[in-house]
Amino acid sequence: MALTGNVVVLTGGVGGAKLARGLVEVLPPERLSFIVNTGDDFWRLGLKICPDLDTLMYTLADVVNPETGWGLRGDSLITLGSLDRLYRVDPWFRLGDKDLATHLLRSHWLRQGCSLTAVTACLVERLGSGARILPMTDAEMPTLVDTVECGLLGFQQYFVKYGWQPVVRGIKHQDCESARLSDAVLSALLAADAVLIAPSNPWLSLAPILAIPGARDLLARLSAPVVAVTPIIGGAAVKGPTAKIMRELGLEVSARSIADFYQDIIGGFVDDKRNEAFARQGLRITQMDTLMNDLPDKIALARGTLEWIGSWTA
């Protein structure tokens, strides 16, 4: 029997949004809460940009660019082109013309004193995304990537400007000591019947959430099962720098290493059927097809995961 209670998902990036898209087809939106990484957030040309929040909002509202998995479908780059041609502003970070509307409204409300949680709720409501989308914190807590070639880089500089090519020697979460989980995030976690950790990049998309003081302890204490889904399939990541970062940090590129990263907080692990099976005392592990190429794949993984959790929580 599939789990039908409240499900909370820790997520970030395109991989997490794919699983989220499947989950909203399986569970009513009022049963779902998504806690989203904001370590990628930054200010650009006076605008507050929240890439992971926007990717999830656009995905669940079915307006995301299907070719990239981020940004808006059918967007244009007229404003960005004008900034480059007329004012010689480096266009390294792509801001689409339609996408600018989100950033303008968010920045306006933030400057009026609204919290990022409240602003996100308003944007979600107007987009019609359905499920609750919660920033991990209302505080500024940018991710910084320490690289061999370029030293310390802001996340978007590392990921976008340099195409995640510099060698990573460490990752920092600026001002994490003073950040806290929002009240909305705490309420969602305490009311959860299950917590899923999406197949997002553990070091870039999920570590920021876990770096907030008290986050790991709270997840470890929950009576609800906490289950992670592997982002590693057949010894590689589907896309992005997950495998590259693992190698640069001296880790084996395997689902086993992902389980190790979460070992103090998870009771279950969804591995991919292509990976070499492994066992760990005290950890329930299942293998299924975790590759999400289309909507039926996303629904199948979401349903299969919830059915598996339901089978050992009934």
C-alpha atoms as a PDB file:
ATOM      1  CA  MET A   1       0.000   0.000   0.000  1.00  0.00           C
ATOM      2  CA  ALA A   2       1.371   3.403  -0.941  1.00  0.00           C
ATOM      3  CA  LEU A   3       2.031   5.972   1.718  1.00  0.00           C
ATOM      4  CA  THR A   4      -0.822   8.497   1.707  1.00  0.00           C
ATOM      5  CA  GLY A   5       0.088  10.827   4.591  1.00  0.00           C
ATOM      6  CA  ASN A   6       2.083  14.045   4.643  1.00  0.00           C
ATOM      7  CA  VAL A   7       5.275  13.817   2.603  1.00  0.00           C
ATOM      8  CA  VAL A   8       8.090  16.350   2.893  1.00  0.00           C
ATOM      9  CA  VAL A   9      10.801  16.477   0.247  1.00  0.00           C
ATOM     10  CA  LEU A  10      14.245  18.032   0.632  1.00  0.00           C
ATOM     11  CA  THR A  11      15.213  19.151  -2.837  1.00  0.00           C
ATOM     12  CA  GLY A  12      17.127  21.405  -5.201  1.00  0.00           C
ATOM     13  CA  GLY A  13      17.989  21.557  -8.869  1.00  0.00           C
ATOM     14  CA  VAL A  14      16.517  19.806 -11.881  1.00  0.00           C
ATOM     15  CA  GLY A  15      16.816  16.258 -10.499  1.00  0.00           C
ATOM     16  CA  GLY A  16      14.757  17.126  -7.462  1.00  0.00           C
ATOM     17  CA  ALA A  17      12.171  18.916  -9.585  1.00  0.00           C
ATOM     18  CA  LYS A  18      11.749  15.793 -11.722  1.00  0.00           C
ATOM     19  CA  LEU A  19      10.810  13.685  -8.707  1.00  0.00           C
ATOM     20  CA  ALA A  20       8.549  16.478  -7.455  1.00  0.00           C
ATOM     21  CA  ARG A  21       6.710  16.437 -10.777  1.00  0.00           C
ATOM     22  CA  GLY A  22       6.007  12.745 -10.306  1.00  0.00           C
ATOM     23  CA  LEU A  23       4.919  13.148  -6.700  1.00  0.00           C
ATOM     24  CA  VAL A  24       2.238  15.737  -7.507  1.00  0.00           C
ATOM     25  CA  GLU A  25       0.673  13.173  -9.841  1.00  0.00           C
ATOM     26  CA  VAL A  26       0.542  10.581  -7.055  1.00  0.00           C
ATOM     27  CA  LEU A  27      -0.412  12.579  -3.961  1.00  0.00           C
ATOM     28  CA  PRO A  28      -2.835  15.482  -3.447  1.00  0.00           C
ATOM     29  CA  PRO A  29      -0.883  18.764  -3.352  1.00  0.00           C
ATOM     30  CA  GLU A  30      -2.006  19.500   0.217  1.00  0.00           C
ATOM     31  CA  ARG A  31      -0.103  16.381   1.319  1.00  0.00           C
ATOM     32  CA  LEU A  32       3.190  17.603  -0.158  1.00  0.00           C
ATOM     33  CA  SER A  33       5.733  20.108   1.142  1.00  0.00           C
ATOM     34  CA  PHE A  34       9.008  20.811  -0.632  1.00  0.00           C
ATOM     35  CA  ILE A  35      11.915  22.254   1.358  1.00  0.00           C
ATOM     36  CA  VAL A  36      14.170  23.886  -1.199  1.00  0.00           C
ATOM     37  CA  ASN A  37      17.858  24.765  -1.202  1.00  0.00           C
ATOM     38  CA  THR A  38      18.529  28.513  -1.229  1.00  0.00           C
ATOM     39  CA  GLY A  39      22.329  28.299  -1.096  1.00  0.00           C
ATOM     40  CA  ASP A  40      22.317  28.966  -4.865  1.00  0.00           C
ATOM     41  CA  ASP A  41      20.506  32.287  -4.379  1.00  0.00           C
ATOM     42  CA  PHE A  42      22.285  35.531  -5.182  1.00  0.00           C
ATOM     43  CA  TRP A  43      21.688  39.156  -6.135  1.00  0.00           C
ATOM     44  CA  ARG A  44      22.236  40.089  -9.776  1.00  0.00           C
ATOM     45  CA  LEU A  45      21.699  43.624 -11.107  1.00  0.00           C
ATOM     46  CA  GLY A  46      19.674  44.457  -8.014  1.00  0.00           C
ATOM     47  CA  LEU A  47      17.433  41.410  -8.375  1.00  0.00           C
ATOM     48  CA  LYS A  48      17.131  38.486  -5.994  1.00  0.00           C
ATOM     49  CA  ILE A  49      17.604  35.294  -8.015  1.00  0.00           C
ATOM     50  CA  CYS A  50      16.493  31.969  -6.482  1.00  0.00           C
ATOM     51  CA  PRO A  51      17.287  29.314  -9.110  1.00  0.00           C
ATOM     52  CA  ASP A  52      16.153  26.197  -7.229  1.00  0.00           C
ATOM     53  CA  LEU A  53      12.931  27.769  -5.976  1.00  0.00           C
ATOM     54  CA  ASP A  54      12.135  29.002  -9.474  1.00  0.00           C
ATOM     55  CA  THR A  55      12.926  25.667 -11.126  1.00  0.00           C
ATOM     56  CA  LEU A  56      10.517  23.889  -8.803  1.00  0.00           C
ATOM     57  CA  MET A  57       7.818  26.568  -9.113  1.00  0.00           C
ATOM     58  CA  TYR A  58       8.003  26.531 -12.898  1.00  0.00           C
ATOM     59  CA  THR A  59       8.087  22.725 -13.058  1.00  0.00           C
ATOM     60  CA  LEU A  60       5.014  22.244 -10.897  1.00  0.00           C
ATOM     61  CA  ALA A  61       3.161  25.026 -12.727  1.00  0.00           C
ATOM     62  CA  ASP A  62       4.052  23.285 -16.023  1.00  0.00           C
ATOM     63  CA  VAL A  63       5.686  26.391 -17.492  1.00  0.00           C
ATOM     64  CA  VAL A  64       9.319  25.260 -17.247  1.00  0.00           C
ATOM     65  CA  ASN A  65      11.543  25.133 -20.330  1.00  0.00           C
ATOM     66  CA  PRO A  66      11.450  21.412 -21.213  1.00  0.00           C
ATOM     67  CA  GLU A  67      14.776  21.559 -23.065  1.00  0.00           C
ATOM     68  CA  THR A  68      16.817  22.837 -20.108  1.00  0.00           C
ATOM     69  CA  GLY A  69      14.704  21.826 -17.099  1.00  0.00           C
ATOM     70  CA  TRP A  70      15.015  25.395 -15.795  1.00  0.00           C
ATOM     71  CA  GLY A  71      13.763  28.800 -16.897  1.00  0.00           C
ATOM     72  CA  LEU A  72      10.483  29.464 -18.667  1.00  0.00           C
ATOM     73  CA  ARG A  73       9.176  27.827 -21.788  1.00  0.00           C
ATOM     74  CA  GLY A  74       9.439  30.060 -24.871  1.00  0.00           C
ATOM     75  CA  ASP A  75      11.472  32.760 -23.136  1.00  0.00           C
ATOM     76  CA  SER A  76      13.632  35.310 -24.954  1.00  0.00           C
ATOM     77  CA  LEU A  77      16.842  37.171 -24.122  1.00  0.00           C
ATOM     78  CA  ILE A  78      16.173  40.652 -25.522  1.00  0.00           C
ATOM     79  CA  THR A  79      16.893  42.497 -22.266  1.00  0.00           C
ATOM     80  CA  LEU A  80      20.058  40.506 -21.624  1.00  0.00           C
ATOM     81  CA  GLY A  81      21.229  41.164 -25.170  1.00  0.00           C
ATOM     82  CA  SER A  82      20.627  44.889 -24.762  1.00  0.00           C
ATOM     83  CA  LEU A  83      22.610  44.974 -21.529  1.00  0.00           C
ATOM     84  CA  ASP A  84      25.493  43.324 -23.353  1.00  0.00           C
ATOM     85  CA  ARG A  85      25.409  45.399 -26.553  1.00  0.00           C
ATOM     86  CA  LEU A  86      24.514  48.812 -25.137  1.00  0.00           C
ATOM     87  CA  TYR A  87      26.163  48.771 -21.717  1.00  0.00           C
ATOM     88  CA  ARG A  88      28.794  46.011 -21.965  1.00  0.00           C
ATOM     89  CA  VAL A  89      27.347  44.093 -19.015  1.00  0.00           C
ATOM     90  CA  ASP A  90      28.772  40.568 -19.049  1.00  0.00           C
ATOM     91  CA  PRO A  91      25.786  38.305 -19.885  1.00  0.00           C
ATOM     92  CA  TRP A  92      27.246  35.255 -18.141  1.00  0.00           C
ATOM     93  CA  PHE A  93      24.059  34.657 -16.143  1.00  0.00           C
ATOM     94  CA  ARG A  94      21.068  34.189 -18.422  1.00  0.00           C
ATOM     95  CA  LEU A  95      17.973  36.101 -17.326  1.00  0.00           C
ATOM     96  CA  GLY A  96      15.084  35.550 -19.714  1.00  0.00           C
ATOM     97  CA  ASP A  97      12.597  38.333 -20.386  1.00  0.00           C
ATOM     98  CA  LYS A  98       9.642  36.389 -18.953  1.00  0.00           C
ATOM     99  CA  ASP A  99      11.791  35.141 -16.083  1.00  0.00           C
ATOM    100  CA  LEU A 100      12.588  38.738 -15.131  1.00  0.00           C
ATOM    101  CA  ALA A 101       8.988  39.200 -14.013  1.00  0.00           C
ATOM    102  CA  THR A 102       9.530  36.677 -11.208  1.00  0.00           C
ATOM    103  CA  HIS A 103      12.748  38.322 -10.049  1.00  0.00           C
ATOM    104  CA  LEU A 104      11.302  41.829 -10.188  1.00  0.00           C
ATOM    105  CA  LEU A 105       8.274  40.902  -8.114  1.00  0.00           C
ATOM    106  CA  ARG A 106      10.297  38.877  -5.614  1.00  0.00           C
ATOM    107  CA  SER A 107      12.841  41.662  -5.136  1.00  0.00           C
ATOM    108  CA  HIS A 108      10.086  44.262  -4.755  1.00  0.00           C
ATOM    109  CA  TRP A 109       8.318  42.287  -2.028  1.00  0.00           C
ATOM    110  CA  LEU A 110      11.567  41.498  -0.213  1.00  0.00           C
ATOM    111  CA  ARG A 111      12.453  45.188  -0.140  1.00  0.00           C
ATOM    112  CA  GLN A 112       9.039  45.867   1.368  1.00  0.00           C
ATOM    113  CA  GLY A 113      10.033  43.642   4.290  1.00  0.00           C
ATOM    114  CA  CYS A 114       8.326  40.376   3.355  1.00  0.00           C
ATOM    115  CA  SER A 115      10.128  37.130   4.177  1.00  0.00           C
ATOM    116  CA  LEU A 116      11.359  34.858   1.418  1.00  0.00           C
ATOM    117  CA  THR A 117       8.895  32.223   2.682  1.00  0.00           C
ATOM    118  CA  ALA A 118       5.957  34.624   2.325  1.00  0.00           C
ATOM    119  CA  VAL A 119       7.141  35.871  -1.065  1.00  0.00           C
ATOM    120  CA  THR A 120       7.530  32.314  -2.367  1.00  0.00           C
ATOM    121  CA  ALA A 121       4.031  31.405  -1.184  1.00  0.00           C
ATOM    122  CA  CYS A 122       2.593  34.371  -3.104  1.00  0.00           C
ATOM    123  CA  LEU A 123       4.508  33.478  -6.265  1.00  0.00           C
ATOM    124  CA  VAL A 124       3.423  29.831  -6.015  1.00  0.00           C
ATOM    125  CA  GLU A 125      -0.215  30.830  -5.564  1.00  0.00           C
ATOM    126  CA  ARG A 126      -0.160  33.134  -8.586  1.00  0.00           C
ATOM    127  CA  LEU A 127       1.591  30.550 -10.751  1.00  0.00           C
ATOM    128  CA  GLY A 128      -0.811  27.842  -9.630  1.00  0.00           C
ATOM    129  CA  SER A 129       1.975  25.443  -8.664  1.00  0.00           C
ATOM    130  CA  GLY A 130      -0.185  23.687  -6.073  1.00  0.00           C
ATOM    131  CA  ALA A 131       2.041  22.082  -3.443  1.00  0.00           C
ATOM    132  CA  ARG A 132       3.784  24.021  -0.673  1.00  0.00           C
ATOM    133  CA  ILE A 133       7.231  25.226  -1.734  1.00  0.00           C
ATOM    134  CA  LEU A 134       9.303  26.365   1.239  1.00  0.00           C
ATOM    135  CA  PRO A 135      12.723  28.031   1.200  1.00  0.00           C
ATOM    136  CA  MET A 136      15.013  26.214   3.635  1.00  0.00           C
ATOM    137  CA  THR A 137      15.577  29.479   5.523  1.00  0.00           C
ATOM    138  CA  ASP A 138      14.636  33.145   5.291  1.00  0.00           C
ATOM    139  CA  ALA A 139      18.255  34.128   5.995  1.00  0.00           C
ATOM    140  CA  GLU A 140      20.923  34.826   3.390  1.00  0.00           C
ATOM    141  CA  MET A 141      23.152  31.747   3.385  1.00  0.00           C
ATOM    142  CA  PRO A 142      25.104  31.597   0.122  1.00  0.00           C
ATOM    143  CA  THR A 143      27.088  28.557  -0.915  1.00  0.00           C
ATOM    144  CA  LEU A 144      30.750  29.258  -1.701  1.00  0.00           C
ATOM    145  CA  VAL A 145      32.898  26.840  -3.675  1.00  0.00           C
ATOM    146  CA  ASP A 146      36.625  26.699  -2.911  1.00  0.00           C
ATOM    147  CA  THR A 147      38.450  25.827  -6.134  1.00  0.00           C
ATOM    148  CA  VAL A 148      42.042  25.054  -7.046  1.00  0.00           C
ATOM    149  CA  GLU A 149      42.217  27.381 -10.050  1.00  0.00           C
ATOM    150  CA  CYS A 150      40.063  30.333  -8.973  1.00  0.00           C
ATOM    151  CA  GLY A 151      40.006  30.253  -5.194  1.00  0.00           C
ATOM    152  CA  LEU A 152      36.701  30.961  -3.467  1.00  0.00           C
ATOM    153  CA  LEU A 153      33.788  31.429  -5.877  1.00  0.00           C
ATOM    154  CA  GLY A 154      30.149  32.270  -5.351  1.00  0.00           C
ATOM    155  CA  PHE A 155      28.011  29.300  -6.338  1.00  0.00           C
ATOM    156  CA  GLN A 156      26.673  30.834  -9.548  1.00  0.00           C
ATOM    157  CA  GLN A 157      30.153  31.931 -10.600  1.00  0.00           C
ATOM    158  CA  TYR A 158      31.363  28.355 -10.178  1.00  0.00           C
ATOM    159  CA  PHE A 159      28.313  26.683 -11.692  1.00  0.00           C
ATOM    160  CA  VAL A 160      27.349  29.056 -14.503  1.00  0.00           C
ATOM    161  CA  LYS A 161      30.183  31.474 -15.277  1.00  0.00           C
ATOM    162  CA  TYR A 162      32.893  28.806 -15.156  1.00  0.00           C
ATOM    163  CA  GLY A 163      30.639  25.904 -16.174  1.00  0.00           C
ATOM    164  CA  TRP A 164      31.547  23.921 -12.993  1.00  0.00           C
ATOM    165  CA  GLN A 165      34.966  23.155 -14.484  1.00  0.00           C
ATOM    166  CA  PRO A 166      37.310  24.385 -11.707  1.00  0.00           C
ATOM    167  CA  VAL A 167      38.514  21.631  -9.384  1.00  0.00           C
ATOM    168  CA  VAL A 168      36.666  21.687  -6.054  1.00  0.00           C
ATOM    169  CA  ARG A 169      38.643  21.366  -2.849  1.00  0.00           C
ATOM    170  CA  GLY A 170      35.919  22.433  -0.423  1.00  0.00           C
ATOM    171  CA  ILE A 171      32.415  23.862  -0.086  1.00  0.00           C
ATOM    172  CA  LYS A 172      31.400  26.482   2.471  1.00  0.00           C
ATOM    173  CA  HIS A 173      28.006  27.759   3.635  1.00  0.00           C
ATOM    174  CA  GLN A 174      28.434  31.423   4.462  1.00  0.00           C
ATOM    175  CA  ASP A 175      26.667  32.654   7.607  1.00  0.00           C
ATOM    176  CA  CYS A 176      25.114  29.232   8.259  1.00  0.00           C
ATOM    177  CA  GLU A 177      25.762  29.661  11.987  1.00  0.00           C
ATOM    178  CA  SER A 178      23.193  32.453  12.209  1.00  0.00           C
ATOM    179  CA  ALA A 179      20.611  30.865   9.888  1.00  0.00           C
ATOM    180  CA  ARG A 180      17.685  28.820  11.092  1.00  0.00           C
ATOM    181  CA  LEU A 181      15.011  26.647   9.586  1.00  0.00           C
ATOM    182  CA  SER A 182      11.890  28.731   9.026  1.00  0.00           C
ATOM    183  CA  ASP A 183       8.810  28.121  11.149  1.00  0.00           C
ATOM    184  CA  ALA A 184       7.037  26.775   8.058  1.00  0.00           C
ATOM    185  CA  VAL A 185       9.839  24.268   7.456  1.00  0.00           C
ATOM    186  CA  LEU A 186       9.819  23.141  11.092  1.00  0.00           C
ATOM    187  CA  SER A 187       6.044  22.695  11.056  1.00  0.00           C
ATOM    188  CA  ALA A 188       6.186  20.671   7.843  1.00  0.00           C
ATOM    189  CA  LEU A 189       8.885  18.358   9.163  1.00  0.00           C
ATOM    190  CA  LEU A 190       7.165  17.792  12.487  1.00  0.00           C
ATOM    191  CA  ALA A 191       3.899  16.918  10.707  1.00  0.00           C
ATOM    192  CA  ALA A 192       5.566  14.611   8.166  1.00  0.00           C
ATOM    193  CA  ASP A 193       4.619  10.971   7.770  1.00  0.00           C
ATOM    194  CA  ALA A 194       7.686  10.530   5.589  1.00  0.00           C
ATOM    195  CA  VAL A 195      10.624  12.652   4.460  1.00  0.00           C
ATOM    196  CA  LEU A 196      12.224  12.120   1.069  1.00  0.00           C
ATOM    197  CA  ILE A 197      15.657  13.381   0.068  1.00  0.00           C
ATOM    198  CA  ALA A 198      15.455  13.966  -3.662  1.00  0.00           C
ATOM    199  CA  PRO A 199      18.068  12.748  -6.175  1.00  0.00           C
ATOM    200  CA  SER A 200      19.658  16.191  -6.198  1.00  0.00           C
ATOM    201  CA  ASN A 201      23.374  16.914  -5.889  1.00  0.00           C
ATOM    202  CA  PRO A 202      24.093  16.069  -2.225  1.00  0.00           C
ATOM    203  CA  TRP A 203      27.002  18.497  -1.902  1.00  0.00           C
ATOM    204  CA  LEU A 204      25.577  21.483  -3.763  1.00  0.00           C
ATOM    205  CA  SER A 205      21.796  21.193  -3.382  1.00  0.00           C
ATOM    206  CA  LEU A 206      21.206  19.292  -0.145  1.00  0.00           C
ATOM    207  CA  ALA A 207      24.235  19.992   2.057  1.00  0.00           C
ATOM    208  CA  PRO A 208      23.130  23.642   2.469  1.00  0.00           C
ATOM    209  CA  ILE A 209      19.831  22.496   3.982  1.00  0.00           C
ATOM    210  CA  LEU A 210      21.620  20.089   6.293  1.00  0.00           C
ATOM    211  CA  ALA A 211      24.163  22.778   7.271  1.00  0.00           C
ATOM    212  CA  ILE A 212      21.504  24.882   8.993  1.00  0.00           C
ATOM    213  CA  PRO A 213      21.982  24.455  12.754  1.00  0.00           C
ATOM    214  CA  GLY A 214      19.717  21.744  14.097  1.00  0.00           C
ATOM    215  CA  ALA A 215      18.612  20.392  10.712  1.00  0.00           C
ATOM    216  CA  ARG A 216      20.474  17.088  10.850  1.00  0.00           C
ATOM    217  CA  ASP A 217      19.567  16.540  14.509  1.00  0.00           C
ATOM    218  CA  LEU A 218      15.894  17.155  13.806  1.00  0.00           C
ATOM    219  CA  LEU A 219      15.843  14.751  10.867  1.00  0.00           C
ATOM    220  CA  ALA A 220      17.604  12.101  12.933  1.00  0.00           C
ATOM    221  CA  ARG A 221      15.022  12.439  15.714  1.00  0.00           C
ATOM    222  CA  LEU A 222      11.911  12.303  13.565  1.00  0.00           C
ATOM    223  CA  SER A 223       9.626   9.330  14.081  1.00  0.00           C
ATOM    224  CA  ALA A 224       8.741   9.528  10.374  1.00  0.00           C
ATOM    225  CA  PRO A 225      11.001   7.556   8.026  1.00  0.00           C
ATOM    226  CA  VAL A 226      13.627   9.550   6.153  1.00  0.00           C
ATOM    227  CA  VAL A 227      14.468   8.072   2.746  1.00  0.00           C
ATOM    228  CA  ALA A 228      17.063   9.231   0.210  1.00  0.00           C
ATOM    229  CA  VAL A 229      16.976   8.579  -3.551  1.00  0.00           C
ATOM    230  CA  THR A 230      20.300   8.080  -5.307  1.00  0.00           C
ATOM    231  CA  PRO A 231      21.490  10.638  -7.884  1.00  0.00           C
ATOM    232  CA  ILE A 232      24.144   8.157  -9.061  1.00  0.00           C
ATOM    233  CA  ILE A 233      23.179   5.685 -11.792  1.00  0.00           C
ATOM    234  CA  GLY A 234      25.687   3.217 -13.166  1.00  0.00           C
ATOM    235  CA  GLY A 235      28.643   5.025 -11.614  1.00  0.00           C
ATOM    236  CA  ALA A 236      27.727   8.433 -13.016  1.00  0.00           C
ATOM    237  CA  ALA A 237      25.367  11.359 -12.525  1.00  0.00           C
ATOM    238  CA  VAL A 238      22.554  11.849 -15.017  1.00  0.00           C
ATOM    239  CA  LYS A 239      23.711  15.445 -15.498  1.00  0.00           C
ATOM    240  CA  GLY A 240      25.682  18.099 -13.657  1.00  0.00           C
ATOM    241  CA  PRO A 241      28.813  17.950 -11.508  1.00  0.00           C
ATOM    242  CA  THR A 242      27.836  15.410  -8.828  1.00  0.00           C
ATOM    243  CA  ALA A 243      30.268  12.700  -9.946  1.00  0.00           C
ATOM    244  CA  LYS A 244      33.018  15.219 -10.731  1.00  0.00           C
ATOM    245  CA  ILE A 245      32.785  16.767  -7.264  1.00  0.00           C
ATOM    246  CA  MET A 246      32.795  13.356  -5.605  1.00  0.00           C
ATOM    247  CA  ARG A 247      36.032  12.426  -7.378  1.00  0.00           C
ATOM    248  CA  GLU A 248      37.619  15.780  -6.526  1.00  0.00           C
ATOM    249  CA  LEU A 249      36.707  15.340  -2.852  1.00  0.00           C
ATOM    250  CA  GLY A 250      38.303  11.900  -2.854  1.00  0.00           C
ATOM    251  CA  LEU A 251      35.048   9.935  -2.756  1.00  0.00           C
ATOM    252  CA  GLU A 252      34.060   6.828  -4.648  1.00  0.00           C
ATOM    253  CA  VAL A 253      31.422   7.652  -7.257  1.00  0.00           C
ATOM    254  CA  SER A 254      28.785   5.222  -6.078  1.00  0.00           C
ATOM    255  CA  ALA A 255      25.405   4.997  -4.425  1.00  0.00           C
ATOM    256  CA  ARG A 256      27.219   3.654  -1.372  1.00  0.00           C
ATOM    257  CA  SER A 257      29.002   7.009  -0.986  1.00  0.00           C
ATOM    258  CA  ILE A 258      25.656   8.822  -1.230  1.00  0.00           C
ATOM    259  CA  ALA A 259      24.237   6.617   1.524  1.00  0.00           C
ATOM    260  CA  ASP A 260      27.334   7.367   3.629  1.00  0.00           C
ATOM    261  CA  PHE A 261      26.723  11.105   3.242  1.00  0.00           C
ATOM    262  CA  TYR A 262      23.229  10.721   4.696  1.00  0.00           C
ATOM    263  CA  GLN A 263      23.968   7.872   7.076  1.00  0.00           C
ATOM    264  CA  ASP A 264      23.096   9.702  10.312  1.00  0.00           C
ATOM    265  CA  ILE A 265      19.648  10.803   9.138  1.00  0.00           C
ATOM    266  CA  ILE A 266      18.188   8.175   6.793  1.00  0.00           C
ATOM    267  CA  GLY A 267      16.463   4.880   7.510  1.00  0.00           C
ATOM    268  CA  GLY A 268      15.821   3.996   3.879  1.00  0.00           C
ATOM    269  CA  PHE A 269      17.648   4.322   0.563  1.00  0.00           C
ATOM    270  CA  VAL A 270      16.274   4.000  -2.959  1.00  0.00           C
ATOM    271  CA  ASP A 271      19.098   2.797  -5.181  1.00  0.00           C
ATOM    272  CA  ASP A 272      19.050   2.384  -8.939  1.00  0.00           C
ATOM    273  CA  LYS A 273      18.704  -1.099 -10.396  1.00  0.00           C
ATOM    274  CA  ARG A 274      21.812  -0.516 -12.543  1.00  0.00           C
ATOM    275  CA  ASN A 275      24.061   0.002  -9.523  1.00  0.00           C
ATOM    276  CA  GLU A 276      25.963  -2.704  -7.712  1.00  0.00           C
ATOM    277  CA  ALA A 277      23.826  -3.767  -4.760  1.00  0.00           C
ATOM    278  CA  PHE A 278      25.157  -3.087  -1.273  1.00  0.00           C
ATOM    279  CA  ALA A 279      23.937  -3.623   2.268  1.00  0.00           C
ATOM    280  CA  ARG A 280      24.286  -1.577   5.406  1.00  0.00           C
ATOM    281  CA  GLN A 281      23.225  -2.565   8.902  1.00  0.00           C
ATOM    282  CA  GLY A 282      20.161  -0.652  10.024  1.00  0.00           C
ATOM    283  CA  LEU A 283      19.425   0.759   6.547  1.00  0.00           C
ATOM    284  CA  ARG A 284      16.587  -0.492   4.381  1.00  0.00           C
ATOM    285  CA  ILE A 285      17.630  -0.482   0.724  1.00  0.00           C
ATOM    286  CA  THR A 286      15.623  -1.140  -2.414  1.00  0.00           C
ATOM    287  CA  GLN A 287      16.552  -0.967  -6.078  1.00  0.00           C
ATOM    288  CA  MET A 288      14.326   0.344  -8.827  1.00  0.00           C
ATOM    289  CA  ASP A 289      14.580   2.341 -12.042  1.00  0.00           C
ATOM    290  CA  THR A 290      15.439   5.891 -10.906  1.00  0.00           C
ATOM    291  CA  LEU A 291      16.143   7.334 -14.378  1.00  0.00           C
ATOM    292  CA  MET A 292      13.431   9.923 -15.119  1.00  0.00           C
ATOM    293  CA  ASN A 293      13.340  10.641 -18.855  1.00  0.00           C
ATOM    294  CA  ASP A 294       9.646  11.478 -19.120  1.00  0.00           C
ATOM    295  CA  LEU A 295       6.534  12.010 -17.018  1.00  0.00           C
ATOM    296  CA  PRO A 296       5.625   8.288 -16.782  1.00  0.00           C
ATOM    297  CA  ASP A 297       9.153   7.616 -15.425  1.00  0.00           C
ATOM    298  CA  LYS A 298       8.730  10.360 -12.820  1.00  0.00           C
ATOM    299  CA  ILE A 299       5.349   9.033 -11.749  1.00  0.00           C
ATOM    300  CA  ALA A 300       6.655   5.469 -11.585  1.00  0.00           C
ATOM    301  CA  LEU A 301       9.571   6.423  -9.333  1.00  0.00           C
ATOM    302  CA  ALA A 302       7.345   8.536  -7.085  1.00  0.00           C
ATOM    303  CA  ARG A 303       4.710   5.811  -6.778  1.00  0.00           C
ATOM    304  CA  GLY A 304       7.267   3.044  -6.336  1.00  0.00           C
ATOM    305  CA  THR A 305       9.075   4.936  -3.591  1.00  0.00           C
ATOM    306  CA  LEU A 306       5.862   5.703  -1.697  1.00  0.00           C
ATOM    307  CA  GLU A 307       4.648   2.102  -2.046  1.00  0.00           C
ATOM    308  CA  TRP A 308       7.954   0.792  -0.741  1.00  0.00           C
ATOM    309  CA  ILE A 309       7.882   3.124   2.276  1.00  0.00           C
ATOM    310  CA  GLY A 310       4.254   2.198   2.874  1.00  0.00           C
ATOM    311  CA  SER A 311       5.143  -1.515   2.862  1.00  0.00           C
ATOM    312  CA  TRP A 312       7.462  -1.153   5.854  1.00  0.00           C
ATOM    313  CA  THR A 313       5.583   1.529   7.767  1.00  0.00           C
ATOM    314  CA  ALA A 314       2.142  -0.108   7.671  1.00  0.00           C
END
